[in-house]
Amino acid sequence: MSVLLLSTGVEQVAIRFWKPDQRSLERVTVDEARQYLAAGKFAAGSMGPKVEAAIAFLEHDGREVVITSPDHLADAVAGRTGTHLTAH
């Protein structure tokens, strides 16, 4: 089992990005990620492809996907920040 680390421009994945009710996601399952994608919560030219890649990785026996910004990589790997996606 392995971990995939995706570096992006934000510390955590968020739904309703740049809106007053924006919500950062700390822990997300594949089922939750699929629901957010289906509801259009992740832009196709932005976070959408990263979340799709995370789902594909987890569906092929990956253990975890961590998404965060370069400045937060060490803390995210240690579990202190970032968005952590898992199969269940």
Protein backbone atom coordinates (compact mmCIF):
# COMPACT_ATOMS: atom_id res chain seq x y z
CA MET A 1 0.00 0.00 0.00
CA SER A 2 1.22 3.45 -0.80
CA VAL A 3 0.56 7.14 -0.28
CA LEU A 4 0.21 9.71 -3.06
CA LEU A 5 1.14 13.30 -2.28
CA LEU A 6 -0.39 15.99 -4.52
CA SER A 7 1.02 19.48 -4.24
CA THR A 8 -1.30 22.36 -5.08
CA GLY A 9 -1.75 26.05 -4.38
CA VAL A 10 -3.80 25.74 -1.18
CA GLU A 11 -3.25 24.18 2.23
CA GLN A 12 -6.50 22.17 2.10
CA VAL A 13 -9.10 21.24 -0.48
CA ALA A 14 -12.28 23.26 0.02
CA ILE A 15 -15.85 23.15 -1.14
CA ARG A 16 -17.60 26.38 -2.08
CA PHE A 17 -14.11 27.80 -2.73
CA TRP A 18 -13.87 31.62 -2.47
CA LYS A 19 -17.44 31.90 -1.19
CA PRO A 20 -18.49 33.20 2.24
CA ASP A 21 -19.46 29.69 3.33
CA GLN A 22 -16.25 28.02 2.11
CA ARG A 23 -15.43 24.85 4.03
CA SER A 24 -11.98 23.24 4.14
CA LEU A 25 -11.86 19.46 4.03
CA GLU A 26 -9.50 17.63 6.38
CA ARG A 27 -10.54 14.01 5.84
CA VAL A 28 -12.54 12.72 2.87
CA THR A 29 -13.52 9.23 1.74
CA VAL A 30 -13.74 8.18 -1.90
CA ASP A 31 -17.55 8.12 -1.67
CA GLU A 32 -17.63 11.67 -0.29
CA ALA A 33 -15.19 12.87 -2.95
CA ARG A 34 -17.38 11.34 -5.69
CA GLN A 35 -20.44 13.09 -4.26
CA TYR A 36 -18.65 16.45 -4.22
CA LEU A 37 -17.47 15.93 -7.82
CA ALA A 38 -20.96 14.97 -8.99
CA ALA A 39 -22.36 18.08 -7.29
CA GLY A 40 -19.84 20.30 -9.09
CA LYS A 41 -17.98 21.32 -5.93
CA PHE A 42 -14.53 21.07 -7.60
CA ALA A 43 -13.79 23.07 -10.75
CA ALA A 44 -12.78 21.06 -13.83
CA GLY A 45 -9.73 23.25 -14.45
CA SER A 46 -8.66 23.44 -10.84
CA MET A 47 -9.21 20.95 -8.00
CA GLY A 48 -11.42 18.58 -10.00
CA PRO A 49 -8.58 16.75 -11.80
CA LYS A 50 -6.64 16.38 -8.55
CA VAL A 51 -9.62 14.83 -6.78
CA GLU A 52 -10.27 12.55 -9.77
CA ALA A 53 -6.63 11.41 -9.66
CA ALA A 54 -6.91 10.79 -5.93
CA ILE A 55 -10.01 8.64 -6.43
CA ALA A 56 -8.34 6.62 -9.19
CA PHE A 57 -5.27 6.04 -7.01
CA LEU A 58 -7.35 4.87 -4.06
CA GLU A 59 -9.45 2.59 -6.26
CA HIS A 60 -6.24 0.85 -7.34
CA ASP A 61 -5.10 -0.14 -3.85
CA GLY A 62 -3.59 3.16 -2.76
CA ARG A 63 -3.77 3.69 0.99
CA GLU A 64 -4.05 7.47 1.20
CA VAL A 65 -3.82 10.66 -0.83
CA VAL A 66 -2.62 13.89 0.77
CA ILE A 67 -3.31 17.19 -0.99
CA THR A 68 -1.66 20.40 0.22
CA SER A 69 0.54 23.33 -0.77
CA PRO A 70 4.35 23.13 -0.97
CA ASP A 71 4.67 25.25 2.19
CA HIS A 72 2.71 22.69 4.19
CA LEU A 73 4.11 19.41 2.85
CA ALA A 74 5.95 18.33 6.01
CA ASP A 75 3.00 19.11 8.29
CA ALA A 76 0.59 17.39 5.91
CA VAL A 77 2.68 14.22 5.75
CA ALA A 78 2.75 14.26 9.55
CA GLY A 79 -1.06 14.51 9.56
CA ARG A 80 -1.27 18.03 10.97
CA THR A 81 -2.80 19.73 7.92
CA GLY A 82 -3.70 19.13 4.30
CA THR A 83 -6.62 17.14 2.95
CA HIS A 84 -6.35 13.38 3.48
CA LEU A 85 -8.38 11.14 1.20
CA THR A 86 -8.90 7.47 1.97
CA ALA A 87 -10.86 4.59 0.47
CA HIS A 88 -13.20 4.35 3.50
